[in-house]
Protein backbone atom coordinates (compact mmCIF):
# COMPACT_ATOMS: atom_id res chain seq x y z
CA ASP A 1 -0.40 -0.12 0.31
CA SER A 2 0.78 4.06 0.29
CA THR A 3 2.91 3.48 3.26
CA HIS A 4 4.66 0.38 1.90
CA THR A 5 3.19 -1.73 4.58
CA VAL A 6 2.32 -5.09 2.91
CA ASN A 7 -1.32 -6.39 4.68
CA LEU A 8 -0.33 -9.51 5.35
CA ASN A 9 2.15 -8.06 7.49
CA TYR A 10 -0.62 -6.33 9.67
CA LEU A 11 -2.74 -8.85 9.86
CA LEU A 12 0.69 -11.36 10.95
CA ASP A 13 1.33 -8.36 13.63
CA ARG A 14 -2.35 -7.80 15.45
CA LEU A 15 -2.10 -11.65 15.41
CA LYS A 16 1.23 -11.56 17.70
CA GLY A 17 0.03 -8.86 20.03
CA ASP A 18 2.60 -7.02 21.94
CA GLY A 19 4.18 -9.85 23.55
CA LYS A 20 2.87 -9.27 26.55
CA GLY A 21 -0.60 -11.10 26.34
CA GLU A 22 -1.73 -7.73 25.34
CA GLY A 23 -3.94 -6.69 22.48
CA GLY A 24 -3.96 -8.86 19.10
CA TRP A 25 -6.23 -11.79 18.66
CA LYS A 26 -6.55 -14.72 20.08
CA VAL A 27 -7.02 -17.35 17.33
CA ASN A 28 -7.11 -21.14 17.49
CA PHE A 29 -7.55 -23.64 14.78
CA ASN A 30 -5.15 -26.01 13.47
CA ASN A 31 -6.69 -27.00 10.36
CA LEU A 32 -6.86 -24.81 7.53
CA ARG A 33 -8.47 -25.58 3.81
CA VAL A 34 -9.55 -23.42 1.02
CA ARG A 35 -11.34 -24.36 -1.90
CA ASP A 36 -10.99 -21.90 -5.21
CA SER A 37 -9.47 -18.73 -3.35
CA ARG A 38 -8.14 -15.74 -4.79
CA PHE A 39 -4.77 -14.20 -3.72
CA SER A 40 -3.27 -10.45 -5.14
CA LEU A 41 -0.88 -8.97 -3.94
CA ARG A 42 0.56 -5.57 -5.23
CA SER A 43 3.15 -2.91 -4.13
CA PHE A 44 2.27 0.07 -4.44
CA ASP A 45 4.68 1.41 -6.78
CA ALA A 46 4.51 -1.96 -8.49
CA GLU A 47 6.01 -1.42 -11.93
CA PRO A 48 4.89 -3.78 -15.04
CA MET A 49 6.67 -7.24 -15.87
CA ALA A 50 7.32 -7.61 -19.39
CA TYR A 51 7.73 -11.88 -18.32
CA GLY A 52 7.79 -13.46 -15.18
CA VAL A 53 6.67 -13.54 -12.23
CA ASN A 54 6.34 -9.95 -10.95
CA TYR A 55 7.18 -10.12 -7.21
CA SER A 56 5.54 -6.55 -6.65
CA ASP A 57 2.36 -8.00 -8.18
CA MET A 58 1.11 -11.36 -7.39
CA ARG A 59 -2.06 -12.63 -8.15
CA LEU A 60 -3.32 -16.05 -8.28
CA THR A 61 -6.07 -18.05 -9.15
CA ASP A 62 -7.07 -21.06 -8.42
CA ILE A 63 -5.68 -21.52 -5.55
CA ASN A 64 -6.64 -24.74 -3.19
CA GLY A 65 -5.10 -25.83 -0.56
CA ASP A 66 -5.25 -28.25 2.87
CA VAL A 67 -3.05 -27.37 5.94
CA ARG A 68 -2.15 -28.81 9.10
CA HIS A 69 -0.94 -28.02 12.08
CA PHE A 70 -1.10 -24.22 11.70
CA ASN A 71 1.21 -22.67 14.51
CA PRO A 72 1.60 -18.57 14.47
CA GLY A 73 4.39 -17.86 17.16
CA LYS A 74 5.77 -14.41 18.25
CA ASP A 75 7.93 -13.86 15.42
CA SER A 76 7.63 -16.76 12.84
CA LEU A 77 4.30 -19.26 11.36
CA SER A 78 4.95 -23.21 10.77
CA PHE A 79 2.07 -25.29 9.77
CA ASP A 80 2.42 -29.11 6.95
CA ILE A 81 1.15 -28.61 3.69
CA ARG A 82 -0.50 -31.08 2.81
CA SER A 83 -1.57 -30.41 -1.08
CA PHE A 84 -1.49 -27.07 -2.49
CA GLN A 85 -1.38 -25.41 -6.51
CA PHE A 86 -2.61 -22.38 -7.83
CA ARG A 87 -2.32 -20.74 -11.13
CA GLU A 88 -0.22 -17.42 -11.20
CA GLN A 89 -0.60 -14.37 -13.83
CA SER A 90 2.50 -14.86 -15.34
CA GLY A 91 1.29 -18.48 -16.35
CA PHE A 92 2.97 -20.20 -14.09
CA VAL A 93 1.39 -23.27 -12.63
CA LEU A 94 1.54 -24.96 -8.99
CA HIS A 95 -0.06 -28.65 -9.69
CA ARG A 96 0.72 -29.50 -6.63
CA LEU A 97 2.77 -28.65 -3.64
CA SER A 98 3.12 -30.81 -0.17
CA GLY A 99 5.26 -30.21 2.61
CA THR A 100 6.85 -29.10 5.83
CA PHE A 101 7.09 -24.77 5.95
CA SER A 102 8.29 -21.95 8.52
CA GLU A 103 8.15 -18.57 8.34
CA ALA A 104 9.40 -15.57 9.62
CA ARG A 105 10.61 -11.79 8.86
CA THR A 106 14.34 -12.75 7.29
CA PHE A 107 13.28 -16.30 5.92
CA LEU A 108 11.08 -19.06 4.31
CA LYS A 109 11.49 -22.45 4.95
CA LEU A 110 9.98 -25.65 3.03
CA TYR A 111 11.44 -29.31 4.38
CA ASP A 112 10.54 -32.69 2.87
CA PHE A 113 8.42 -30.92 0.01
CA ARG A 114 7.69 -32.68 -3.58
CA ALA A 115 6.74 -29.84 -6.09
CA GLU A 116 4.74 -30.71 -9.53
CA THR A 117 3.82 -28.24 -11.89
CA PRO A 118 2.62 -29.32 -15.80
CA HIS A 119 6.24 -29.36 -17.09
CA SER A 120 8.65 -30.23 -13.83
CA SER A 121 8.72 -32.49 -10.48
CA MET A 122 10.57 -31.44 -7.62
CA LYS A 123 11.53 -33.12 -4.19
CA GLY A 124 14.13 -33.04 -1.06
CA ARG A 125 15.35 -32.36 1.98
CA ALA A 126 15.27 -28.37 2.64
CA LEU A 127 14.60 -25.47 0.18
CA THR A 128 15.07 -21.88 2.39
CA LEU A 129 14.91 -18.43 0.95
CA LYS A 130 17.11 -16.14 3.29
CA PHE A 131 16.89 -12.58 2.99
CA THR A 132 16.95 -8.98 5.19
CA ASP A 133 13.27 -8.29 4.16
CA TYR A 134 11.16 -8.49 1.96
CA ASP A 135 11.76 -5.33 -0.43
CA ALA A 136 14.49 -8.38 -1.74
CA PHE A 137 11.61 -9.68 -3.63
CA LYS A 138 10.04 -6.57 -5.24
CA ALA A 139 11.07 -6.51 -9.49
CA GLY A 140 14.13 -6.93 -10.22
CA SER A 141 15.78 -7.25 -6.80
CA PHE A 142 15.55 -10.66 -6.13
CA VAL A 143 18.29 -12.61 -8.35
CA GLN A 144 20.66 -10.57 -6.02
CA GLN A 145 19.34 -10.24 -2.29
CA VAL A 146 17.75 -13.28 -1.97
CA ARG A 147 19.82 -15.91 -0.49
CA MET A 148 18.95 -19.95 -1.37
CA LEU A 149 20.07 -23.32 0.27
CA ALA A 150 18.21 -26.41 -2.23
CA ASP A 151 19.14 -29.23 -0.72
CA LEU A 152 17.51 -31.96 -3.97
CA ASP A 153 16.24 -35.44 -4.04
CA PRO A 154 16.72 -36.32 -8.33
CA CYS A 155 14.59 -34.12 -9.38
CA ALA A 156 13.25 -33.29 -13.59
CA ILE A 157 13.03 -29.16 -13.91
CA ASP A 158 12.25 -27.84 -16.92
CA PHE A 159 14.04 -24.88 -18.05
CA TYR A 160 10.51 -23.49 -19.01
CA ASP A 161 9.10 -23.36 -15.21
CA ILE A 162 12.68 -21.91 -14.72
CA GLY A 163 12.14 -19.07 -16.96
CA PHE A 164 9.29 -17.64 -14.71
CA PHE A 165 11.61 -16.76 -12.45
CA ALA A 166 15.01 -16.70 -14.36
CA PRO A 167 14.04 -14.36 -17.65
CA ALA A 168 16.93 -15.54 -18.85
CA PHE A 169 15.28 -18.77 -19.36
CA GLN A 170 11.69 -17.08 -20.89
CA GLU A 171 10.52 -19.97 -23.24
CA THR A 172 13.45 -22.71 -22.80
CA HIS A 173 12.29 -26.31 -23.09
CA GLN A 174 15.03 -28.51 -21.61
CA LYS A 175 15.07 -30.59 -19.30
CA VAL A 176 17.00 -31.94 -16.92
CA THR A 177 17.64 -34.46 -14.09
CA VAL A 178 19.20 -32.26 -10.49
CA SER A 179 19.91 -33.61 -7.48
CA GLY A 180 21.96 -31.83 -4.66
CA ILE A 181 23.23 -28.85 -3.13
CA ALA A 182 22.72 -25.18 -4.18
CA ARG A 183 23.23 -21.93 -2.31
CA GLY A 184 23.80 -18.74 -3.09
CA THR A 185 21.84 -15.68 -5.28
CA VAL A 186 20.47 -16.96 -8.20
CA SER A 187 23.61 -14.00 -9.54
CA ASN A 188 25.86 -16.51 -7.50
CA LEU A 189 25.02 -20.11 -7.32
CA LYS A 190 27.00 -22.64 -5.24
CA THR A 191 27.14 -26.27 -5.97
CA LYS A 192 27.91 -29.48 -3.52
CA LYS A 193 27.67 -33.03 -4.77
CA ILE A 194 24.83 -31.63 -7.27
CA GLU A 195 24.40 -34.04 -10.70
CA ILE A 196 22.88 -33.10 -13.56
CA ARG A 197 21.46 -35.25 -16.48
CA PHE A 198 20.45 -33.93 -20.01
């Protein structure tokens, strides 16, 4: 919005309260199911992108999800994803995601996950995104400012899907099988015990 505050942060801050048991909301639920829903996240100063996911202007439709063990904490959030799917306005489609998710102001983590798109199938022990704040997800900032750790089991990945996040691969249809560990930003990715097969 115009104050450069993500509306979701406002909601999460209200859930947390002041840390002394005062204010905030008291919410108790364990499971959450979402069917045929929509979600929009648009920054007040969002600029259009020619291709790919624009983190400053995201619009998800056809959202279906089944979340268990929902646990909002004082400064974090965690839950188990039984299933999650959506379509993003860029054209990226997630058919299925499952795993254990945790979030705080400086990281997003997904453990023991599986993800499927129309072109790719991934599974792994961990996928972590670390950042100083959510401004790192603005258009043009992600590849330089968000540090990743990916610990992948053998996965079939199509560069077409990667193109939605790294436009250099836009419209590239090339499947690879990947396993191993990758760390760093998209612009400076280092690998360990990586195996790639074309």
